[in-house]
């Protein structure tokens, strides 16, 4: 569980004015994490909050609260800080993030009260998650205060829950693919080499047979010296892992760099494509396989498509020119969600509404201590006594 406390700079009249300024110092958001521990007591404030959740289960319902806000933050162990953004559209890059290093506790019963508003009938997280995936760090530095005791980082990067979009039943990536996807976060420059320990056979599914044909390499000089063996079974990869690959092929607008990262289909000629007898033949598209479509000329209103035959069709990805309509509905206020599997308004497609580079959240691994001229302690000047507050569900839980 994570709770965010949103503060606006006192030089602005209100939150709206701070957001509208577009300035990087407009907001400061404090993030506090919680872990389940039934042997520990929750704070009175968290108990008050969880007890009132059922009353605010309907969207836009407002419930009165009376609690001490400072009981929801543990500042005893220091903090991490970095420049970032809001984590929901329009993801304004106007936030100084302060993430507390100490993790507070919540009971399993208390967490279940949050889950009641985020689980579907099968007891699974509704909409395939209820958080934004990690964003590329880019050139930003994450700092930590002297009070932070650094923890050993996972060498393959932070882990996120995996959601098997488009699959029947739970399907997990193999450890080998997880290792590769995680290591990508560390290989941020061209020609960077990293050591990996994995089992290569985990990256091939031999159970469903294969297709085979004589062909070539797929990059220049495309030597025609290859016997191709294409496995028939398709293995799963999680959306968050695929996003790690996308970090290296997407431009600032969230579109594939240079109009794709693969070679187009080539003429089959008089070659024969064979398949083993254990392949369950798929029905081919009578008009030929479809590839992603790219609009290469700015201002051109027609789409130039490439068609070929005898291959497993890739999914259609639309590319738009600068003056065309965005893909799907714009992920603005009221039309976004956390659903990893939503091809229109899920987090993968927030790029239309969140075009700026310095987005949140990010992996805090590899933080540096604050330089001496920036070393400071946070003072939370919250009221010591109870405060009358409002609890409202925004319908995006």
Protein backbone atom coordinates (compact mmCIF):
# COMPACT_ATOMS: atom_id res chain seq x y z
CA UNK A 1 0.00 0.00 0.00
CA UNK A 2 1.22 3.54 -0.74
CA UNK A 3 -0.32 6.83 0.39
CA UNK A 4 0.48 10.15 -1.32
CA UNK A 5 0.34 13.54 0.41
CA UNK A 6 0.09 16.33 -2.17
CA UNK A 7 1.36 19.80 -1.16
CA UNK A 8 1.51 22.94 -3.29
CA UNK A 9 4.11 25.69 -3.05
CA UNK A 10 2.96 28.54 -0.79
CA UNK A 11 3.70 31.11 -3.50
CA UNK A 12 0.57 29.90 -5.30
CA UNK A 13 -2.98 30.62 -4.16
CA UNK A 14 -4.23 27.06 -4.56
CA UNK A 15 -3.52 23.66 -6.09
CA UNK A 16 -5.00 24.63 -9.45
CA UNK A 17 -2.76 27.69 -9.72
CA UNK A 18 0.28 25.61 -8.84
CA UNK A 19 -0.50 23.03 -11.51
CA UNK A 20 -1.27 25.72 -14.06
CA UNK A 21 2.11 27.38 -13.52
CA UNK A 22 3.96 24.49 -15.13
CA UNK A 23 6.92 25.17 -12.83
CA UNK A 24 9.00 22.28 -11.58
CA UNK A 25 8.68 23.48 -7.96
CA UNK A 26 4.89 23.75 -8.01
CA UNK A 27 4.14 20.61 -6.00
CA UNK A 28 5.80 18.43 -3.39
CA UNK A 29 4.35 14.94 -3.00
CA UNK A 30 5.26 12.73 -0.06
CA UNK A 31 4.98 8.98 -0.61
CA UNK A 32 4.62 6.60 2.34
CA UNK A 33 4.70 2.82 1.90
CA UNK A 34 2.94 0.26 4.11
CA UNK A 35 3.49 -3.50 4.51
CA UNK A 36 1.25 -6.14 6.06
CA UNK A 37 2.11 -7.06 9.65
CA UNK A 38 -0.63 -8.58 11.80
CA UNK A 39 1.64 -8.57 14.84
CA UNK A 40 1.84 -4.76 14.81
CA UNK A 41 -0.86 -2.21 15.56
CA UNK A 42 -1.99 0.25 12.93
CA UNK A 43 -1.96 3.92 13.81
CA UNK A 44 -5.24 5.45 14.95
CA UNK A 45 -5.32 7.54 11.75
CA UNK A 46 -4.96 4.51 9.48
CA UNK A 47 -7.60 2.65 11.48
CA UNK A 48 -9.99 5.59 11.06
CA UNK A 49 -9.25 5.68 7.33
CA UNK A 50 -9.76 1.95 6.70
CA UNK A 51 -12.94 1.85 8.81
CA UNK A 52 -14.51 4.56 6.63
CA UNK A 53 -13.57 3.01 3.26
CA UNK A 54 -16.77 0.98 3.02
CA UNK A 55 -18.83 4.16 3.31
CA UNK A 56 -16.92 5.68 0.37
CA UNK A 57 -17.23 2.67 -1.92
CA UNK A 58 -19.41 4.45 -4.45
CA UNK A 59 -17.71 6.79 -6.92
CA UNK A 60 -17.66 10.47 -5.84
CA UNK A 61 -19.07 9.62 -2.40
CA UNK A 62 -17.73 12.00 0.29
CA UNK A 63 -17.26 10.76 3.87
CA UNK A 64 -16.19 12.82 6.90
CA UNK A 65 -12.96 11.84 8.68
CA UNK A 66 -11.47 12.99 11.98
CA UNK A 67 -7.83 11.96 12.34
CA UNK A 68 -4.21 13.06 12.93
CA UNK A 69 -2.46 13.24 9.50
CA UNK A 70 1.06 13.01 10.95
CA UNK A 71 0.29 9.46 12.11
CA UNK A 72 0.36 8.35 8.45
CA UNK A 73 4.02 9.35 7.90
CA UNK A 74 7.18 7.87 9.44
CA UNK A 75 10.02 10.36 9.03
CA UNK A 76 12.40 8.60 11.42
CA UNK A 77 14.51 6.96 8.72
CA UNK A 78 15.06 9.70 6.15
CA UNK A 79 13.79 9.92 2.58
CA UNK A 80 14.53 9.65 -1.14
CA UNK A 81 13.89 12.60 -3.44
CA UNK A 82 13.88 13.28 -7.18
CA UNK A 83 12.13 15.55 -9.74
CA UNK A 84 9.12 13.92 -11.37
CA UNK A 85 5.45 14.13 -12.21
CA UNK A 86 1.97 13.29 -11.06
CA UNK A 87 1.25 9.59 -11.58
CA UNK A 88 -2.11 9.97 -13.32
CA UNK A 89 -3.01 11.89 -16.49
CA UNK A 90 -2.14 14.54 -17.28
CA UNK A 91 1.05 13.56 -15.41
CA UNK A 92 2.25 17.17 -15.00
CA UNK A 93 6.07 17.24 -14.53
CA UNK A 94 5.85 19.76 -11.68
CA UNK A 95 6.54 17.52 -8.67
CA UNK A 96 9.40 17.20 -6.21
CA UNK A 97 8.96 13.67 -4.93
CA UNK A 98 9.83 12.78 -1.33
CA UNK A 99 9.53 9.04 -0.64
CA UNK A 100 9.94 8.02 2.99
CA UNK A 101 12.45 5.18 3.44
CA UNK A 102 10.77 3.63 6.48
CA UNK A 103 7.83 1.34 5.69
CA UNK A 104 4.88 1.52 8.05
CA UNK A 105 2.54 -1.36 8.89
CA UNK A 106 -1.05 -2.21 8.05
CA UNK A 107 -2.92 -5.31 9.16
CA UNK A 108 -4.19 -7.83 6.61
CA UNK A 109 -7.72 -6.89 7.67
CA UNK A 110 -6.98 -3.21 7.03
CA UNK A 111 -5.49 -3.94 3.60
CA UNK A 112 -8.48 -6.12 2.76
CA UNK A 113 -10.72 -3.08 3.24
CA UNK A 114 -8.78 -1.32 0.47
CA UNK A 115 -8.99 -4.48 -1.66
CA UNK A 116 -12.76 -4.55 -1.30
CA UNK A 117 -12.86 -1.52 -3.58
CA UNK A 118 -10.24 -2.83 -6.04
CA UNK A 119 -11.00 -6.57 -6.42
CA UNK A 120 -13.28 -8.20 -8.95
CA UNK A 121 -15.65 -11.11 -8.26
CA UNK A 122 -12.75 -13.60 -8.60
CA UNK A 123 -10.70 -11.85 -5.92
CA UNK A 124 -8.22 -10.44 -8.43
CA UNK A 125 -7.13 -6.82 -8.77
CA UNK A 126 -9.72 -5.13 -10.93
CA UNK A 127 -8.48 -3.80 -14.27
CA UNK A 128 -5.16 -5.68 -14.05
CA UNK A 129 -3.56 -3.50 -11.42
CA UNK A 130 -4.19 -0.19 -9.72
CA UNK A 131 -0.89 1.64 -10.11
CA UNK A 132 1.21 3.24 -12.86
CA UNK A 133 4.18 1.15 -14.07
CA UNK A 134 7.73 2.36 -13.45
CA UNK A 135 8.86 5.07 -15.87
CA UNK A 136 12.35 5.54 -17.40
CA UNK A 137 14.66 7.47 -15.07
CA UNK A 138 16.54 9.13 -17.91
CA UNK A 139 19.30 11.44 -16.70
CA UNK A 140 17.70 12.21 -13.35
CA UNK A 141 19.59 11.65 -10.10
CA UNK A 142 17.78 10.14 -7.12
CA UNK A 143 19.07 11.51 -3.82
CA UNK A 144 18.65 10.16 -0.31
CA UNK A 145 19.01 11.90 3.02
CA UNK A 146 21.75 10.93 5.50
CA UNK A 147 19.18 9.09 7.61
CA UNK A 148 18.60 6.44 4.93
CA UNK A 149 20.25 3.06 5.42
CA UNK A 150 20.90 1.89 1.87
CA UNK A 151 19.52 -1.51 0.98
CA UNK A 152 21.12 -3.87 -1.58
CA UNK A 153 19.37 -3.32 -4.91
CA UNK A 154 18.05 -6.09 -7.11
CA UNK A 155 20.68 -6.28 -9.90
CA UNK A 156 17.89 -6.74 -12.46
CA UNK A 157 15.92 -3.68 -11.38
CA UNK A 158 12.78 -3.20 -9.32
CA UNK A 159 10.06 -5.83 -9.62
CA UNK A 160 6.43 -5.08 -10.39
CA UNK A 161 3.38 -7.37 -10.34
CA UNK A 162 2.87 -9.10 -13.68
CA UNK A 163 -0.49 -9.13 -15.48
CA UNK A 164 -1.08 -11.78 -18.22
CA UNK A 165 -3.03 -9.59 -20.64
CA UNK A 166 -4.87 -11.56 -23.30
CA UNK A 167 -4.13 -14.92 -21.70
CA UNK A 168 -6.43 -17.51 -20.19
CA UNK A 169 -5.34 -18.14 -16.65
CA UNK A 170 -2.19 -16.94 -14.92
CA UNK A 171 0.90 -17.17 -17.11
CA UNK A 172 4.28 -16.04 -15.84
CA UNK A 173 7.41 -15.19 -17.76
CA UNK A 174 10.31 -17.58 -17.49
CA UNK A 175 13.13 -16.59 -15.09
CA UNK A 176 15.44 -16.20 -18.10
CA UNK A 177 13.20 -13.62 -19.77
CA UNK A 178 12.67 -11.83 -16.45
CA UNK A 179 16.45 -11.61 -16.04
CA UNK A 180 16.91 -10.08 -19.50
CA UNK A 181 14.06 -7.58 -19.08
CA UNK A 182 15.33 -6.54 -15.67
CA UNK A 183 18.91 -6.10 -16.85
CA UNK A 184 17.77 -3.67 -19.56
CA UNK A 185 17.34 -0.99 -16.89
CA UNK A 186 21.09 -1.18 -16.22
CA UNK A 187 22.18 -1.18 -19.89
CA UNK A 188 21.20 2.39 -20.69
CA UNK A 189 23.92 3.21 -23.23
CA UNK A 190 24.78 1.75 -26.64
CA UNK A 191 27.25 -1.15 -26.56
CA UNK A 192 26.91 -1.54 -22.78
CA UNK A 193 27.76 -5.10 -21.74
CA UNK A 194 26.30 -6.82 -18.68
CA UNK A 195 26.83 -10.21 -17.12
CA UNK A 196 23.74 -12.43 -17.02
CA UNK A 197 23.13 -15.83 -15.52
CA UNK A 198 20.19 -17.61 -17.13
CA UNK A 199 19.03 -20.88 -18.67
CA UNK A 200 18.79 -20.29 -22.47
CA UNK A 201 16.38 -23.19 -23.00
CA UNK A 202 13.80 -21.24 -20.96
CA UNK A 203 13.53 -18.81 -23.89
CA UNK A 204 12.30 -21.46 -26.36
CA UNK A 205 9.03 -23.43 -26.31
CA UNK A 206 9.58 -26.64 -28.27
CA UNK A 207 6.30 -28.25 -27.26
CA UNK A 208 4.27 -27.15 -30.28
CA UNK A 209 6.55 -27.87 -33.22
CA UNK A 210 8.01 -25.38 -35.67
CA UNK A 211 7.94 -23.80 -39.13
CA UNK A 212 11.05 -23.89 -41.35
CA UNK A 213 12.22 -22.28 -44.59
CA UNK A 214 15.47 -21.16 -46.31
CA UNK A 215 16.17 -17.47 -45.86
CA UNK A 216 18.61 -14.78 -44.76
CA UNK A 217 19.78 -12.66 -41.88
CA UNK A 218 17.32 -9.82 -41.21
CA UNK A 219 19.87 -6.98 -41.01
CA UNK A 220 22.44 -5.79 -43.57
CA UNK A 221 24.11 -7.46 -45.34
CA UNK A 222 21.17 -9.91 -45.11
CA UNK A 223 23.32 -12.94 -46.02
CA UNK A 224 21.16 -15.63 -47.65
CA UNK A 225 22.78 -18.45 -45.66
CA UNK A 226 20.12 -19.20 -43.04
CA UNK A 227 17.79 -22.12 -42.38
CA UNK A 228 15.02 -20.51 -40.34
CA UNK A 229 13.23 -22.48 -37.59
CA UNK A 230 10.30 -20.51 -36.11
CA UNK A 231 8.69 -22.08 -33.06
CA UNK A 232 4.91 -22.43 -33.38
CA UNK A 233 4.03 -21.78 -29.74
CA UNK A 234 4.03 -18.15 -28.59
CA UNK A 235 5.51 -17.53 -25.13
CA UNK A 236 4.16 -14.83 -22.79
CA UNK A 237 5.85 -11.58 -21.76
CA UNK A 238 4.35 -9.19 -19.25
CA UNK A 239 3.38 -5.66 -20.21
CA UNK A 240 5.83 -4.14 -17.70
CA UNK A 241 8.68 -6.26 -19.10
CA UNK A 242 7.79 -5.29 -22.67
CA UNK A 243 7.83 -1.66 -21.56
CA UNK A 244 11.47 -2.12 -20.55
CA UNK A 245 12.29 -3.01 -24.16
CA UNK A 246 10.14 -0.11 -25.35
CA UNK A 247 12.24 2.30 -23.27
CA UNK A 248 14.99 1.84 -25.85
CA UNK A 249 12.79 2.07 -28.95
CA UNK A 250 10.31 4.84 -28.05
CA UNK A 251 10.69 8.54 -28.71
CA UNK A 252 9.57 11.29 -26.30
CA UNK A 253 5.99 10.95 -27.54
CA UNK A 254 5.84 7.23 -26.73
CA UNK A 255 6.02 6.15 -30.38
CA UNK A 256 8.43 3.63 -31.90
CA UNK A 257 11.62 5.37 -32.95
CA UNK A 258 12.31 5.52 -36.70
CA UNK A 259 8.93 3.98 -37.60
CA UNK A 260 9.54 0.48 -36.33
CA UNK A 261 12.30 -1.81 -35.10
CA UNK A 262 11.99 -4.79 -37.45
CA UNK A 263 12.51 -5.62 -41.12
CA UNK A 264 9.34 -5.65 -43.25
CA UNK A 265 8.09 -8.95 -44.69
CA UNK A 266 9.95 -10.01 -47.83
CA UNK A 267 8.60 -11.74 -50.99
CA UNK A 268 8.28 -15.48 -50.50
CA UNK A 269 9.14 -16.26 -54.11
CA UNK A 270 9.07 -19.95 -54.94
CA UNK A 271 10.25 -21.05 -51.52
CA UNK A 272 8.22 -23.65 -49.62
CA UNK A 273 7.38 -23.08 -45.97
CA UNK A 274 7.28 -26.36 -44.03
CA UNK A 275 5.87 -27.16 -40.63
CA UNK A 276 6.24 -30.19 -38.39
CA UNK A 277 3.28 -32.50 -37.93
CA UNK A 278 2.73 -31.39 -34.33
CA UNK A 279 1.97 -27.82 -35.43
CA UNK A 280 -1.66 -26.85 -35.16
CA UNK A 281 -2.00 -24.86 -38.37
CA UNK A 282 -3.50 -21.40 -37.92
CA UNK A 283 -6.05 -20.05 -40.38
CA UNK A 284 -4.23 -17.52 -42.54
CA UNK A 285 -5.61 -14.08 -43.31
CA UNK A 286 -6.84 -14.43 -46.93
CA UNK A 287 -5.45 -10.99 -47.75
CA UNK A 288 -2.03 -11.82 -46.35
CA UNK A 289 -0.32 -11.16 -43.03
CA UNK A 290 -0.62 -7.72 -41.54
CA UNK A 291 2.31 -5.66 -40.28
CA UNK A 292 2.26 -2.43 -38.28
CA UNK A 293 1.34 0.52 -40.51
CA UNK A 294 3.53 3.63 -40.57
CA UNK A 295 2.55 7.04 -41.95
CA UNK A 296 5.92 8.24 -43.24
CA UNK A 297 5.04 11.59 -44.83
CA UNK A 298 3.85 14.44 -42.61
CA UNK A 299 0.49 15.71 -43.82
CA UNK A 300 -0.24 12.59 -45.85
CA UNK A 301 -3.78 11.37 -45.18
CA UNK A 302 -3.41 7.94 -46.75
CA UNK A 303 -1.91 4.92 -45.05
CA UNK A 304 0.73 2.97 -46.95
CA UNK A 305 0.43 -0.71 -45.99
CA UNK A 306 2.68 -3.69 -46.69
CA UNK A 307 1.17 -7.10 -47.24
CA UNK A 308 2.76 -10.53 -47.55
CA UNK A 309 1.76 -14.16 -47.09
CA UNK A 310 2.40 -17.27 -45.01
CA UNK A 311 3.42 -15.92 -41.63
CA UNK A 312 1.84 -15.56 -38.23
CA UNK A 313 0.20 -12.13 -38.32
CA UNK A 314 1.51 -9.47 -35.95
CA UNK A 315 -0.94 -7.23 -34.15
CA UNK A 316 -1.95 -3.99 -35.83
CA UNK A 317 -0.27 -0.90 -34.45
CA UNK A 318 -1.39 2.40 -35.86
CA UNK A 319 1.08 5.19 -36.44
CA UNK A 320 -0.07 8.76 -36.79
CA UNK A 321 1.59 11.79 -38.33
CA UNK A 322 1.95 14.97 -36.29
CA UNK A 323 -1.27 16.50 -37.62
CA UNK A 324 -3.48 13.39 -37.47
CA UNK A 325 -5.78 12.22 -34.71
CA UNK A 326 -4.21 10.36 -31.77
CA UNK A 327 -4.62 6.59 -31.43
CA UNK A 328 -7.87 5.81 -29.63
CA UNK A 329 -9.35 8.36 -27.26
CA UNK A 330 -7.00 10.86 -25.73
CA UNK A 331 -6.17 9.70 -22.22
CA UNK A 332 -7.27 12.90 -20.59
CA UNK A 333 -9.23 13.36 -17.39
CA UNK A 334 -12.11 10.92 -17.20
CA UNK A 335 -10.93 8.61 -19.99
CA UNK A 336 -7.93 6.84 -18.44
CA UNK A 337 -7.61 3.77 -16.26
CA UNK A 338 -4.98 1.46 -14.74
CA UNK A 339 -5.93 -1.56 -16.88
CA UNK A 340 -2.71 -3.05 -18.33
CA UNK A 341 -4.83 -4.87 -20.93
CA UNK A 342 -6.85 -1.85 -22.11
CA UNK A 343 -5.54 -1.07 -25.59
CA UNK A 344 -7.07 2.42 -25.56
CA UNK A 345 -6.85 4.04 -22.14
CA UNK A 346 -4.50 1.82 -20.10
CA UNK A 347 -1.12 3.07 -18.78
CA UNK A 348 0.72 2.06 -21.96
CA UNK A 349 -1.35 4.60 -23.89
CA UNK A 350 -1.11 7.51 -21.46
CA UNK A 351 1.69 8.94 -23.62
CA UNK A 352 -0.80 11.12 -25.53
CA UNK A 353 -1.73 12.87 -22.29
CA UNK A 354 1.66 12.49 -20.57
CA UNK A 355 4.22 13.52 -23.22
CA UNK A 356 6.86 14.97 -20.89
CA UNK A 357 10.06 13.05 -20.25
CA UNK A 358 10.50 13.23 -16.46
CA UNK A 359 7.64 11.00 -15.38
CA UNK A 360 6.86 9.13 -12.15
CA UNK A 361 7.16 6.66 -10.51
CA UNK A 362 10.74 5.45 -11.06
CA UNK A 363 13.06 2.82 -9.59
CA UNK A 364 14.82 4.40 -6.57
CA UNK A 365 17.71 1.94 -6.76
CA UNK A 366 21.16 3.53 -6.99
CA UNK A 367 20.29 6.67 -5.02
CA UNK A 368 23.12 9.03 -4.03
CA UNK A 369 23.42 10.89 -0.75
CA UNK A 370 22.35 14.52 -0.89
CA UNK A 371 25.33 16.84 -1.42
CA UNK A 372 26.24 18.86 1.64
CA UNK A 373 24.89 22.10 0.18
CA UNK A 374 21.49 20.44 -0.32
CA UNK A 375 21.45 18.34 2.84
CA UNK A 376 18.33 19.20 4.79
CA UNK A 377 15.84 17.65 7.14
CA UNK A 378 12.13 17.66 6.43
CA UNK A 379 9.85 19.25 8.96
CA UNK A 380 6.24 18.10 8.74
CA UNK A 381 4.31 21.00 10.18
CA UNK A 382 1.04 19.11 10.46
CA UNK A 383 -1.44 19.80 13.29
CA UNK A 384 -0.76 17.72 16.39
CA UNK A 385 -4.44 17.14 17.10
CA UNK A 386 -7.28 15.66 15.09
CA UNK A 387 -8.27 17.36 11.86
CA UNK A 388 -11.65 17.24 10.13
CA UNK A 389 -11.04 15.81 6.66
CA UNK A 390 -12.96 14.40 3.69
CA UNK A 391 -12.64 10.93 2.10
CA UNK A 392 -13.81 10.53 -1.49
CA UNK A 393 -13.57 7.72 -4.04
CA UNK A 394 -12.62 9.10 -7.47
CA UNK A 395 -13.65 5.93 -9.29
CA UNK A 396 -10.08 5.08 -10.33
CA UNK A 397 -9.18 2.72 -7.45
